[in-house]
Amino acid sequence: TTLCNTALDNPTQRNKMQLIRAAVKFLETDTVCYRVEEPVAL
């Protein structure tokens, strides 16, 4: 229901390309791309 509300009202007033750019921007801080060196087990 919340997602439908967001799609219908578009409260942040973003267009399609702005949505796409925001999604792709997550690549720069993607969880699986950030690694640790210690502890070795992790």
PDB file of all heavy atoms in Angstrom:
ATOM      1  N   THR A   1       0.830  -1.202   0.000  1.00  0.00           N
ATOM      2  CA  THR A   1       0.000   0.000   0.000  1.00  0.00           C
ATOM      3  C   THR A   1       0.865   1.252   0.000  1.00  0.00           C
ATOM      4  O   THR A   1       0.611   2.204  -0.747  1.00  0.00           O
ATOM      5  CB  THR A   1      -0.930   0.012   1.231  1.00  0.00           C
ATOM      6  OG1 THR A   1      -1.799  -1.121   1.183  1.00  0.00           O
ATOM      7  CG2 THR A   1      -1.768   1.288   1.282  1.00  0.00           C
ATOM      8  N   THR A   2       1.907   1.255   0.822  1.00  0.00           N
ATOM      9  CA  THR A   2       2.815   2.398   0.902  1.00  0.00           C
ATOM     10  C   THR A   2       3.520   2.640  -0.425  1.00  0.00           C
ATOM     11  O   THR A   2       3.657   3.782  -0.879  1.00  0.00           O
ATOM     12  CB  THR A   2       3.855   2.173   2.018  1.00  0.00           C
ATOM     13  OG1 THR A   2       3.191   2.003   3.272  1.00  0.00           O
ATOM     14  CG2 THR A   2       4.804   3.362   2.124  1.00  0.00           C
ATOM     15  N   LEU A   3       3.959   1.562  -1.072  1.00  0.00           N
ATOM     16  CA  LEU A   3       4.632   1.697  -2.359  1.00  0.00           C
ATOM     17  C   LEU A   3       3.690   2.239  -3.432  1.00  0.00           C
ATOM     18  O   LEU A   3       4.077   3.059  -4.265  1.00  0.00           O
ATOM     19  CB  LEU A   3       5.203   0.347  -2.792  1.00  0.00           C
ATOM     20  CG  LEU A   3       6.513  -0.050  -2.101  1.00  0.00           C
ATOM     21  CD1 LEU A   3       6.815  -1.535  -2.316  1.00  0.00           C
ATOM     22  CD2 LEU A   3       7.664   0.793  -2.628  1.00  0.00           C
ATOM     23  N   CYS A   4       2.439   1.790  -3.411  1.00  0.00           N
ATOM     24  CA  CYS A   4       1.456   2.309  -4.366  1.00  0.00           C
ATOM     25  C   CYS A   4       1.201   3.790  -4.128  1.00  0.00           C
ATOM     26  O   CYS A   4       1.093   4.574  -5.083  1.00  0.00           O
ATOM     27  CB  CYS A   4       0.149   1.526  -4.253  1.00  0.00           C
ATOM     28  SG  CYS A   4       0.228  -0.169  -4.864  1.00  0.00           S
ATOM     29  N   ASN A   5       1.095   4.190  -2.864  1.00  0.00           N
ATOM     30  CA  ASN A   5       0.916   5.604  -2.548  1.00  0.00           C
ATOM     31  C   ASN A   5       2.058   6.437  -3.105  1.00  0.00           C
ATOM     32  O   ASN A   5       1.853   7.525  -3.665  1.00  0.00           O
ATOM     33  CB  ASN A   5       0.841   5.802  -1.030  1.00  0.00           C
ATOM     34  CG  ASN A   5      -0.511   5.435  -0.456  1.00  0.00           C
ATOM     35  OD1 ASN A   5      -1.517   5.524  -1.138  1.00  0.00           O
ATOM     36  ND2 ASN A   5      -0.528   5.010   0.788  1.00  0.00           N
ATOM     37  N   THR A   6       3.284   5.934  -2.936  1.00  0.00           N
ATOM     38  CA  THR A   6       4.458   6.649  -3.418  1.00  0.00           C
ATOM     39  C   THR A   6       4.446   6.762  -4.936  1.00  0.00           C
ATOM     40  O   THR A   6       4.759   7.811  -5.502  1.00  0.00           O
ATOM     41  CB  THR A   6       5.744   5.933  -2.961  1.00  0.00           C
ATOM     42  OG1 THR A   6       5.737   5.783  -1.531  1.00  0.00           O
ATOM     43  CG2 THR A   6       6.977   6.723  -3.363  1.00  0.00           C
ATOM     44  N   ALA A   7       4.066   5.664  -5.609  1.00  0.00           N
ATOM     45  CA  ALA A   7       4.021   5.676  -7.071  1.00  0.00           C
ATOM     46  C   ALA A   7       2.938   6.627  -7.584  1.00  0.00           C
ATOM     47  O   ALA A   7       3.134   7.330  -8.586  1.00  0.00           O
ATOM     48  CB  ALA A   7       3.777   4.266  -7.592  1.00  0.00           C
ATOM     49  N   LEU A   8       1.812   6.688  -6.902  1.00  0.00           N
ATOM     50  CA  LEU A   8       0.696   7.522  -7.349  1.00  0.00           C
ATOM     51  C   LEU A   8       0.929   9.007  -7.056  1.00  0.00           C
ATOM     52  O   LEU A   8       0.659   9.860  -7.899  1.00  0.00           O
ATOM     53  CB  LEU A   8      -0.597   7.063  -6.688  1.00  0.00           C
ATOM     54  CG  LEU A   8      -1.188   5.747  -7.196  1.00  0.00           C
ATOM     55  CD1 LEU A   8      -2.237   5.208  -6.231  1.00  0.00           C
ATOM     56  CD2 LEU A   8      -1.792   5.948  -8.590  1.00  0.00           C
ATOM     57  N   ASP A   9       1.434   9.310  -5.863  1.00  0.00           N
ATOM     58  CA  ASP A   9       1.599  10.709  -5.461  1.00  0.00           C
ATOM     59  C   ASP A   9       2.964  11.284  -5.841  1.00  0.00           C
ATOM     60  O   ASP A   9       3.098  12.498  -5.992  1.00  0.00           O
ATOM     61  CB  ASP A   9       1.408  10.849  -3.950  1.00  0.00           C
ATOM     62  CG  ASP A   9      -0.057  10.762  -3.539  1.00  0.00           C
ATOM     63  OD1 ASP A   9      -0.912  10.818  -4.434  1.00  0.00           O
ATOM     64  OD2 ASP A   9      -0.326  10.623  -2.327  1.00  0.00           O
ATOM     65  N   ASN A  10       3.981  10.403  -5.962  1.00  0.00           N
ATOM     66  CA  ASN A  10       5.347  10.853  -6.273  1.00  0.00           C
ATOM     67  C   ASN A  10       5.707  12.069  -5.416  1.00  0.00           C
ATOM     68  O   ASN A  10       5.949  13.176  -5.943  1.00  0.00           O
ATOM     69  CB  ASN A  10       5.482  11.183  -7.762  1.00  0.00           C
ATOM     70  CG  ASN A  10       6.925  11.418  -8.183  1.00  0.00           C
ATOM     71  OD1 ASN A  10       7.864  11.087  -7.458  1.00  0.00           O
ATOM     72  ND2 ASN A  10       7.112  11.997  -9.360  1.00  0.00           N
ATOM     73  N   PRO A  11       5.741  11.914  -4.099  1.00  0.00           N
ATOM     74  CA  PRO A  11       5.926  13.059  -3.198  1.00  0.00           C
ATOM     75  C   PRO A  11       7.211  13.837  -3.414  1.00  0.00           C
ATOM     76  O   PRO A  11       7.264  15.031  -3.122  1.00  0.00           O
ATOM     77  CB  PRO A  11       5.889  12.417  -1.801  1.00  0.00           C
ATOM     78  CG  PRO A  11       6.248  10.988  -2.030  1.00  0.00           C
ATOM     79  CD  PRO A  11       5.674  10.637  -3.366  1.00  0.00           C
ATOM     80  N   THR A  12       8.265  13.184  -3.925  1.00  0.00           N
ATOM     81  CA  THR A  12       9.532  13.893  -4.161  1.00  0.00           C
ATOM     82  C   THR A  12       9.596  14.491  -5.562  1.00  0.00           C
ATOM     83  O   THR A  12      10.600  15.115  -5.924  1.00  0.00           O
ATOM     84  CB  THR A  12      10.732  12.950  -3.947  1.00  0.00           C
ATOM     85  OG1 THR A  12      10.565  11.779  -4.762  1.00  0.00           O
ATOM     86  CG2 THR A  12      10.830  12.525  -2.494  1.00  0.00           C
ATOM     87  N   GLN A  13       8.529  14.257  -6.368  1.00  0.00           N
ATOM     88  CA  GLN A  13       8.412  14.873  -7.696  1.00  0.00           C
ATOM     89  C   GLN A  13       9.628  14.592  -8.587  1.00  0.00           C
ATOM     90  O   GLN A  13      10.150  15.482  -9.254  1.00  0.00           O
ATOM     91  CB  GLN A  13       8.210  16.389  -7.562  1.00  0.00           C
ATOM     92  CG  GLN A  13       6.908  16.784  -6.891  1.00  0.00           C
ATOM     93  CD  GLN A  13       5.680  16.262  -7.653  1.00  0.00           C
ATOM     94  OE1 GLN A  13       5.507  16.546  -8.826  1.00  0.00           O
ATOM     95  NE2 GLN A  13       4.850  15.492  -6.969  1.00  0.00           N
ATOM     96  N   ARG A  14      10.062  13.334  -8.602  1.00  0.00           N
ATOM     97  CA  ARG A  14      11.186  12.959  -9.460  1.00  0.00           C
ATOM     98  C   ARG A  14      10.688  12.303 -10.743  1.00  0.00           C
ATOM     99  O   ARG A  14       9.675  11.604 -10.733  1.00  0.00           O
ATOM    100  CB  ARG A  14      12.130  12.015  -8.715  1.00  0.00           C
ATOM    101  CG  ARG A  14      12.902  12.689  -7.602  1.00  0.00           C
ATOM    102  CD  ARG A  14      13.821  11.714  -6.904  1.00  0.00           C
ATOM    103  NE  ARG A  14      13.061  10.645  -6.263  1.00  0.00           N
ATOM    104  CZ  ARG A  14      13.623   9.543  -5.748  1.00  0.00           C
ATOM    105  NH1 ARG A  14      14.925   9.364  -5.837  1.00  0.00           N
ATOM    106  NH2 ARG A  14      12.879   8.637  -5.178  1.00  0.00           N
ATOM    107  N   ASN A  15      11.416  12.533 -11.823  1.00  0.00           N
ATOM    108  CA  ASN A  15      11.070  11.890 -13.084  1.00  0.00           C
ATOM    109  C   ASN A  15      11.792  10.555 -13.201  1.00  0.00           C
ATOM    110  O   ASN A  15      12.552  10.158 -12.299  1.00  0.00           O
ATOM    111  CB  ASN A  15      11.385  12.801 -14.280  1.00  0.00           C
ATOM    112  CG  ASN A  15      12.873  13.187 -14.343  1.00  0.00           C
ATOM    113  OD1 ASN A  15      13.750  12.401 -13.984  1.00  0.00           O
ATOM    114  ND2 ASN A  15      13.137  14.399 -14.805  1.00  0.00           N
ATOM    115  N   LYS A  16      11.590   9.867 -14.304  1.00  0.00           N
ATOM    116  CA  LYS A  16      12.142   8.521 -14.478  1.00  0.00           C
ATOM    117  C   LYS A  16      13.657   8.517 -14.409  1.00  0.00           C
ATOM    118  O   LYS A  16      14.259   7.680 -13.719  1.00  0.00           O
ATOM    119  CB  LYS A  16      11.660   7.938 -15.806  1.00  0.00           C
ATOM    120  CG  LYS A  16      12.102   6.496 -16.030  1.00  0.00           C
ATOM    121  CD  LYS A  16      11.456   5.908 -17.286  1.00  0.00           C
ATOM    122  CE  LYS A  16      11.854   4.434 -17.450  1.00  0.00           C
ATOM    123  NZ  LYS A  16      11.186   3.805 -18.605  1.00  0.00           N
ATOM    124  N   MET A  17      14.318   9.424 -15.087  1.00  0.00           N
ATOM    125  CA  MET A  17      15.775   9.430 -15.101  1.00  0.00           C
ATOM    126  C   MET A  17      16.343   9.752 -13.722  1.00  0.00           C
ATOM    127  O   MET A  17      17.383   9.212 -13.332  1.00  0.00           O
ATOM    128  CB  MET A  17      16.284  10.440 -16.136  1.00  0.00           C
ATOM    129  CG  MET A  17      17.806  10.393 -16.339  1.00  0.00           C
ATOM    130  SD  MET A  17      18.463   8.700 -16.628  1.00  0.00           S
ATOM    131  CE  MET A  17      17.695   8.309 -18.199  1.00  0.00           C
ATOM    132  N   GLN A  18      15.680  10.600 -12.966  1.00  0.00           N
ATOM    133  CA  GLN A  18      16.147  10.898 -11.612  1.00  0.00           C
ATOM    134  C   GLN A  18      16.058   9.667 -10.722  1.00  0.00           C
ATOM    135  O   GLN A  18      16.947   9.416  -9.895  1.00  0.00           O
ATOM    136  CB  GLN A  18      15.328  12.054 -11.028  1.00  0.00           C
ATOM    137  CG  GLN A  18      15.648  13.402 -11.633  1.00  0.00           C
ATOM    138  CD  GLN A  18      14.715  14.494 -11.137  1.00  0.00           C
ATOM    139  OE1 GLN A  18      13.496  14.290 -11.029  1.00  0.00           O
ATOM    140  NE2 GLN A  18      15.257  15.663 -10.841  1.00  0.00           N
ATOM    141  N   LEU A  19      14.987   8.879 -10.873  1.00  0.00           N
ATOM    142  CA  LEU A  19      14.867   7.627 -10.120  1.00  0.00           C
ATOM    143  C   LEU A  19      15.983   6.662 -10.487  1.00  0.00           C
ATOM    144  O   LEU A  19      16.582   6.018  -9.627  1.00  0.00           O
ATOM    145  CB  LEU A  19      13.509   6.985 -10.401  1.00  0.00           C
ATOM    146  CG  LEU A  19      12.297   7.513  -9.642  1.00  0.00           C
ATOM    147  CD1 LEU A  19      11.027   6.878 -10.194  1.00  0.00           C
ATOM    148  CD2 LEU A  19      12.428   7.251  -8.154  1.00  0.00           C
ATOM    149  N   ILE A  20      16.272   6.564 -11.779  1.00  0.00           N
ATOM    150  CA  ILE A  20      17.311   5.644 -12.255  1.00  0.00           C
ATOM    151  C   ILE A  20      18.676   6.070 -11.730  1.00  0.00           C
ATOM    152  O   ILE A  20      19.456   5.245 -11.241  1.00  0.00           O
ATOM    153  CB  ILE A  20      17.308   5.590 -13.797  1.00  0.00           C
ATOM    154  CG1 ILE A  20      16.024   4.919 -14.295  1.00  0.00           C
ATOM    155  CG2 ILE A  20      18.533   4.852 -14.314  1.00  0.00           C
ATOM    156  CD1 ILE A  20      15.835   4.989 -15.796  1.00  0.00           C
ATOM    157  N   ARG A  21      18.994   7.348 -11.835  1.00  0.00           N
ATOM    158  CA  ARG A  21      20.289   7.843 -11.371  1.00  0.00           C
ATOM    159  C   ARG A  21      20.469   7.622  -9.869  1.00  0.00           C
ATOM    160  O   ARG A  21      21.549   7.292  -9.399  1.00  0.00           O
ATOM    161  CB  ARG A  21      20.424   9.335 -11.700  1.00  0.00           C
ATOM    162  CG  ARG A  21      20.501   9.650 -13.196  1.00  0.00           C
ATOM    163  CD  ARG A  21      21.792   9.141 -13.808  1.00  0.00           C
ATOM    164  NE  ARG A  21      21.886   9.487 -15.236  1.00  0.00           N
ATOM    165  CZ  ARG A  21      22.833   9.038 -16.037  1.00  0.00           C
ATOM    166  NH1 ARG A  21      23.760   8.232 -15.568  1.00  0.00           N
ATOM    167  NH2 ARG A  21      22.846   9.380 -17.314  1.00  0.00           N
ATOM    168  N   ALA A  22      19.388   7.813  -9.117  1.00  0.00           N
ATOM    169  CA  ALA A  22      19.460   7.597  -7.665  1.00  0.00           C
ATOM    170  C   ALA A  22      19.739   6.139  -7.346  1.00  0.00           C
ATOM    171  O   ALA A  22      20.505   5.826  -6.427  1.00  0.00           O
ATOM    172  CB  ALA A  22      18.153   8.046  -7.010  1.00  0.00           C
ATOM    173  N   ALA A  23      19.136   5.229  -8.113  1.00  0.00           N
ATOM    174  CA  ALA A  23      19.360   3.795  -7.890  1.00  0.00           C
ATOM    175  C   ALA A  23      20.787   3.406  -8.240  1.00  0.00           C
ATOM    176  O   ALA A  23      21.467   2.697  -7.480  1.00  0.00           O
ATOM    177  CB  ALA A  23      18.372   2.985  -8.719  1.00  0.00           C
ATOM    178  N   VAL A  24      21.273   3.879  -9.373  1.00  0.00           N
ATOM    179  CA  VAL A  24      22.630   3.529  -9.824  1.00  0.00           C
ATOM    180  C   VAL A  24      23.693   4.129  -8.908  1.00  0.00           C
ATOM    181  O   VAL A  24      24.769   3.559  -8.741  1.00  0.00           O
ATOM    182  CB  VAL A  24      22.837   3.986 -11.291  1.00  0.00           C
ATOM    183  CG1 VAL A  24      24.287   3.781 -11.725  1.00  0.00           C
ATOM    184  CG2 VAL A  24      21.906   3.219 -12.218  1.00  0.00           C
ATOM    185  N   LYS A  25      23.387   5.257  -8.285  1.00  0.00           N
ATOM    186  CA  LYS A  25      24.342   5.898  -7.379  1.00  0.00           C
ATOM    187  C   LYS A  25      24.715   4.992  -6.214  1.00  0.00           C
ATOM    188  O   LYS A  25      25.794   5.111  -5.628  1.00  0.00           O
ATOM    189  CB  LYS A  25      23.774   7.228  -6.868  1.00  0.00           C
ATOM    190  CG  LYS A  25      24.791   8.079  -6.105  1.00  0.00           C
ATOM    191  CD  LYS A  25      24.240   9.446  -5.809  1.00  0.00           C
ATOM    192  CE  LYS A  25      25.255  10.278  -5.009  1.00  0.00           C
ATOM    193  NZ  LYS A  25      26.518  10.459  -5.756  1.00  0.00           N
ATOM    194  N   PHE A  26      23.825   4.047  -5.875  1.00  0.00           N
ATOM    195  CA  PHE A  26      24.110   3.120  -4.777  1.00  0.00           C
ATOM    196  C   PHE A  26      25.312   2.229  -5.085  1.00  0.00           C
ATOM    197  O   PHE A  26      25.899   1.637  -4.178  1.00  0.00           O
ATOM    198  CB  PHE A  26      22.882   2.258  -4.467  1.00  0.00           C
ATOM    199  CG  PHE A  26      21.994   2.832  -3.413  1.00  0.00           C
ATOM    200  CD1 PHE A  26      21.002   3.735  -3.741  1.00  0.00           C
ATOM    201  CD2 PHE A  26      22.156   2.489  -2.081  1.00  0.00           C
ATOM    202  CE1 PHE A  26      20.175   4.272  -2.770  1.00  0.00           C
ATOM    203  CE2 PHE A  26      21.340   3.028  -1.096  1.00  0.00           C
ATOM    204  CZ  PHE A  26      20.346   3.921  -1.442  1.00  0.00           C
ATOM    205  N   LEU A  27      25.667   2.096  -6.367  1.00  0.00           N
ATOM    206  CA  LEU A  27      26.839   1.298  -6.717  1.00  0.00           C
ATOM    207  C   LEU A  27      28.100   1.827  -6.045  1.00  0.00           C
ATOM    208  O   LEU A  27      29.015   1.073  -5.717  1.00  0.00           O
ATOM    209  CB  LEU A  27      27.040   1.297  -8.241  1.00  0.00           C
ATOM    210  CG  LEU A  27      26.480   0.120  -9.037  1.00  0.00           C
ATOM    211  CD1 LEU A  27      26.730   0.321 -10.521  1.00  0.00           C
ATOM    212  CD2 LEU A  27      27.064  -1.202  -8.561  1.00  0.00           C
ATOM    213  N   GLU A  28      28.168   3.133  -5.859  1.00  0.00           N
ATOM    214  CA  GLU A  28      29.352   3.754  -5.282  1.00  0.00           C
ATOM    215  C   GLU A  28      29.545   3.380  -3.815  1.00  0.00           C
ATOM    216  O   GLU A  28      30.654   3.462  -3.288  1.00  0.00           O
ATOM    217  CB  GLU A  28      29.259   5.275  -5.428  1.00  0.00           C
ATOM    218  CG  GLU A  28      29.151   5.750  -6.874  1.00  0.00           C
ATOM    219  CD  GLU A  28      28.844   7.228  -6.981  1.00  0.00           C
ATOM    220  OE1 GLU A  28      28.781   7.892  -5.920  1.00  0.00           O
ATOM    221  OE2 GLU A  28      28.669   7.725  -8.108  1.00  0.00           O
ATOM    222  N   THR A  29      28.474   2.986  -3.159  1.00  0.00           N
ATOM    223  CA  THR A  29      28.562   2.600  -1.738  1.00  0.00           C
ATOM    224  C   THR A  29      27.928   1.235  -1.500  1.00  0.00           C
ATOM    225  O   THR A  29      27.429   0.956  -0.417  1.00  0.00           O
ATOM    226  CB  THR A  29      27.858   3.648  -0.853  1.00  0.00           C
ATOM    227  OG1 THR A  29      26.500   3.796  -1.301  1.00  0.00           O
ATOM    228  CG2 THR A  29      28.552   4.988  -0.923  1.00  0.00           C
ATOM    229  N   ASP A  30      27.946   0.390  -2.536  1.00  0.00           N
ATOM    230  CA  ASP A  30      27.280  -0.906  -2.447  1.00  0.00           C
ATOM    231  C   ASP A  30      27.877  -1.768  -1.336  1.00  0.00           C
ATOM    232  O   ASP A  30      29.093  -1.919  -1.226  1.00  0.00           O
ATOM    233  CB  ASP A  30      27.397  -1.639  -3.786  1.00  0.00           C
ATOM    234  CG  ASP A  30      26.338  -2.714  -3.947  1.00  0.00           C
ATOM    235  OD1 ASP A  30      26.407  -3.725  -3.226  1.00  0.00           O
ATOM    236  OD2 ASP A  30      25.444  -2.527  -4.790  1.00  0.00           O
ATOM    237  N   THR A  31      26.999  -2.346  -0.527  1.00  0.00           N
ATOM    238  CA  THR A  31      27.422  -3.153   0.623  1.00  0.00           C
ATOM    239  C   THR A  31      28.429  -4.225   0.245  1.00  0.00           C
ATOM    240  O   THR A  31      29.447  -4.401   0.933  1.00  0.00           O
ATOM    241  CB  THR A  31      26.191  -3.815   1.280  1.00  0.00           C
ATOM    242  OG1 THR A  31      25.363  -2.805   1.848  1.00  0.00           O
ATOM    243  CG2 THR A  31      26.624  -4.778   2.385  1.00  0.00           C
ATOM    244  N   VAL A  32      28.181  -4.953  -0.838  1.00  0.00           N
ATOM    245  CA  VAL A  32      29.027  -6.103  -1.174  1.00  0.00           C
ATOM    246  C   VAL A  32      30.353  -5.693  -1.793  1.00  0.00           C
ATOM    247  O   VAL A  32      31.214  -6.551  -2.033  1.00  0.00           O
ATOM    248  CB  VAL A  32      28.293  -7.077  -2.114  1.00  0.00           C
ATOM    249  CG1 VAL A  32      27.021  -7.592  -1.468  1.00  0.00           C
ATOM    250  CG2 VAL A  32      27.978  -6.421  -3.455  1.00  0.00           C
ATOM    251  N   CYS A  33      30.542  -4.406  -2.061  1.00  0.00           N
ATOM    252  CA  CYS A  33      31.803  -3.943  -2.649  1.00  0.00           C
ATOM    253  C   CYS A  33      32.784  -3.445  -1.602  1.00  0.00           C
ATOM    254  O   CYS A  33      33.967  -3.277  -1.886  1.00  0.00           O
ATOM    255  CB  CYS A  33      31.537  -2.829  -3.665  1.00  0.00           C
ATOM    256  SG  CYS A  33      30.642  -3.390  -5.122  1.00  0.00           S
ATOM    257  N   TYR A  34      32.298  -3.187  -0.392  1.00  0.00           N
ATOM    258  CA  TYR A  34      33.165  -2.712   0.686  1.00  0.00           C
ATOM    259  C   TYR A  34      33.639  -3.896   1.526  1.00  0.00           C
ATOM    260  O   TYR A  34      32.822  -4.598   2.130  1.00  0.00           O
ATOM    261  CB  TYR A  34      32.422  -1.706   1.568  1.00  0.00           C
ATOM    262  CG  TYR A  34      32.452  -0.302   1.031  1.00  0.00           C
ATOM    263  CD1 TYR A  34      31.585   0.094   0.025  1.00  0.00           C
ATOM    264  CD2 TYR A  34      33.363   0.624   1.512  1.00  0.00           C
ATOM    265  CE1 TYR A  34      31.603   1.384  -0.486  1.00  0.00           C
ATOM    266  CE2 TYR A  34      33.405   1.919   1.017  1.00  0.00           C
ATOM    267  CZ  TYR A  34      32.527   2.296   0.019  1.00  0.00           C
ATOM    268  OH  TYR A  34      32.558   3.571  -0.487  1.00  0.00           O
ATOM    269  N   ARG A  35      34.936  -4.108   1.588  1.00  0.00           N
ATOM    270  CA  ARG A  35      35.491  -5.253   2.296  1.00  0.00           C
ATOM    271  C   ARG A  35      36.404  -4.796   3.442  1.00  0.00           C
ATOM    272  O   ARG A  35      36.869  -3.653   3.478  1.00  0.00           O
ATOM    273  CB  ARG A  35      36.290  -6.138   1.331  1.00  0.00           C
ATOM    274  CG  ARG A  35      35.534  -6.529   0.068  1.00  0.00           C
ATOM    275  CD  ARG A  35      34.334  -7.407   0.376  1.00  0.00           C
ATOM    276  NE  ARG A  35      33.549  -7.709  -0.816  1.00  0.00           N
ATOM    277  CZ  ARG A  35      33.799  -8.736  -1.634  1.00  0.00           C
ATOM    278  NH1 ARG A  35      34.820  -9.555  -1.391  1.00  0.00           N
ATOM    279  NH2 ARG A  35      33.026  -8.938  -2.691  1.00  0.00           N
ATOM    280  N   VAL A  36      36.633  -5.710   4.370  1.00  0.00           N
ATOM    281  CA  VAL A  36      37.562  -5.448   5.470  1.00  0.00           C
ATOM    282  C   VAL A  36      38.803  -6.311   5.297  1.00  0.00           C
ATOM    283  O   VAL A  36      38.778  -7.324   4.587  1.00  0.00           O
ATOM    284  CB  VAL A  36      36.905  -5.754   6.837  1.00  0.00           C
ATOM    285  CG1 VAL A  36      35.683  -4.884   7.049  1.00  0.00           C
ATOM    286  CG2 VAL A  36      36.552  -7.231   6.957  1.00  0.00           C
ATOM    287  N   GLU A  37      39.884  -5.926   5.946  1.00  0.00           N
ATOM    288  CA  GLU A  37      41.099  -6.730   5.952  1.00  0.00           C
ATOM    289  C   GLU A  37      41.224  -7.509   7.259  1.00  0.00           C
ATOM    290  O   GLU A  37      41.809  -8.581   7.303  1.00  0.00           O
ATOM    291  CB  GLU A  37      42.324  -5.833   5.749  1.00  0.00           C
ATOM    292  CG  GLU A  37      42.372  -5.197   4.360  1.00  0.00           C
ATOM    293  CD  GLU A  37      43.587  -4.310   4.171  1.00  0.00           C
ATOM    294  OE1 GLU A  37      43.996  -3.653   5.173  1.00  0.00           O
ATOM    295  OE2 GLU A  37      44.136  -4.270   3.053  1.00  0.00           O
ATOM    296  N   GLU A  38      40.656  -6.934   8.316  1.00  0.00           N
ATOM    297  CA  GLU A  38      40.654  -7.580   9.632  1.00  0.00           C
ATOM    298  C   GLU A  38      39.272  -7.393  10.266  1.00  0.00           C
ATOM    299  O   GLU A  38      38.623  -6.367  10.035  1.00  0.00           O
ATOM    300  CB  GLU A  38      41.731  -6.964  10.538  1.00  0.00           C
ATOM    301  CG  GLU A  38      43.141  -7.236  10.069  1.00  0.00           C
ATOM    302  CD  GLU A  38      44.164  -6.626  11.009  1.00  0.00           C
ATOM    303  OE1 GLU A  38      43.762  -5.785  11.860  1.00  0.00           O
ATOM    304  OE2 GLU A  38      45.348  -6.985  10.922  1.00  0.00           O
ATOM    305  N   PRO A  39      38.844  -8.353  11.067  1.00  0.00           N
ATOM    306  CA  PRO A  39      39.478  -9.637  11.362  1.00  0.00           C
ATOM    307  C   PRO A  39      39.513 -10.553  10.134  1.00  0.00           C
ATOM    308  O   PRO A  39      38.645 -10.433   9.243  1.00  0.00           O
ATOM    309  CB  PRO A  39      38.608 -10.208  12.474  1.00  0.00           C
ATOM    310  CG  PRO A  39      37.277  -9.561  12.269  1.00  0.00           C
ATOM    311  CD  PRO A  39      37.551  -8.186  11.752  1.00  0.00           C
ATOM    312  N   VAL A  40      40.468 -11.431  10.115  1.00  0.00           N
ATOM    313  CA  VAL A  40      40.677 -12.301   8.968  1.00  0.00           C
ATOM    314  C   VAL A  40      39.452 -13.174   8.693  1.00  0.00           C
ATOM    315  O   VAL A  40      39.081 -13.415   7.543  1.00  0.00           O
ATOM    316  CB  VAL A  40      41.928 -13.184   9.170  1.00  0.00           C
ATOM    317  CG1 VAL A  40      42.088 -14.165   7.999  1.00  0.00           C
ATOM    318  CG2 VAL A  40      43.170 -12.325   9.317  1.00  0.00           C
ATOM    319  N   ALA A  41      38.814 -13.636   9.766  1.00  0.00           N
ATOM    320  CA  ALA A  41      37.649 -14.514   9.605  1.00  0.00           C
ATOM    321  C   ALA A  41      36.523 -13.793   8.868  1.00  0.00           C
ATOM    322  O   ALA A  41      35.861 -14.372   8.005  1.00  0.00           O
ATOM    323  CB  ALA A  41      37.168 -15.000  10.969  1.00  0.00           C
ATOM    324  N   LEU A  42      36.304 -12.517   9.184  1.00  0.00           N
ATOM    325  CA  LEU A  42      35.256 -11.749   8.514  1.00  0.00           C
ATOM    326  C   LEU A  42      35.646 -11.470   7.064  1.00  0.00           C
ATOM    327  O   LEU A  42      34.801 -11.541   6.163  1.00  0.00           O
ATOM    328  CB  LEU A  42      34.992 -10.440   9.258  1.00  0.00           C
ATOM    329  CG  LEU A  42      33.957  -9.506   8.625  1.00  0.00           C
ATOM    330  CD1 LEU A  42      32.623 -10.214   8.428  1.00  0.00           C
ATOM    331  CD2 LEU A  42      33.776  -8.250   9.479  1.00  0.00           C
TER     332      LEU A  42
END
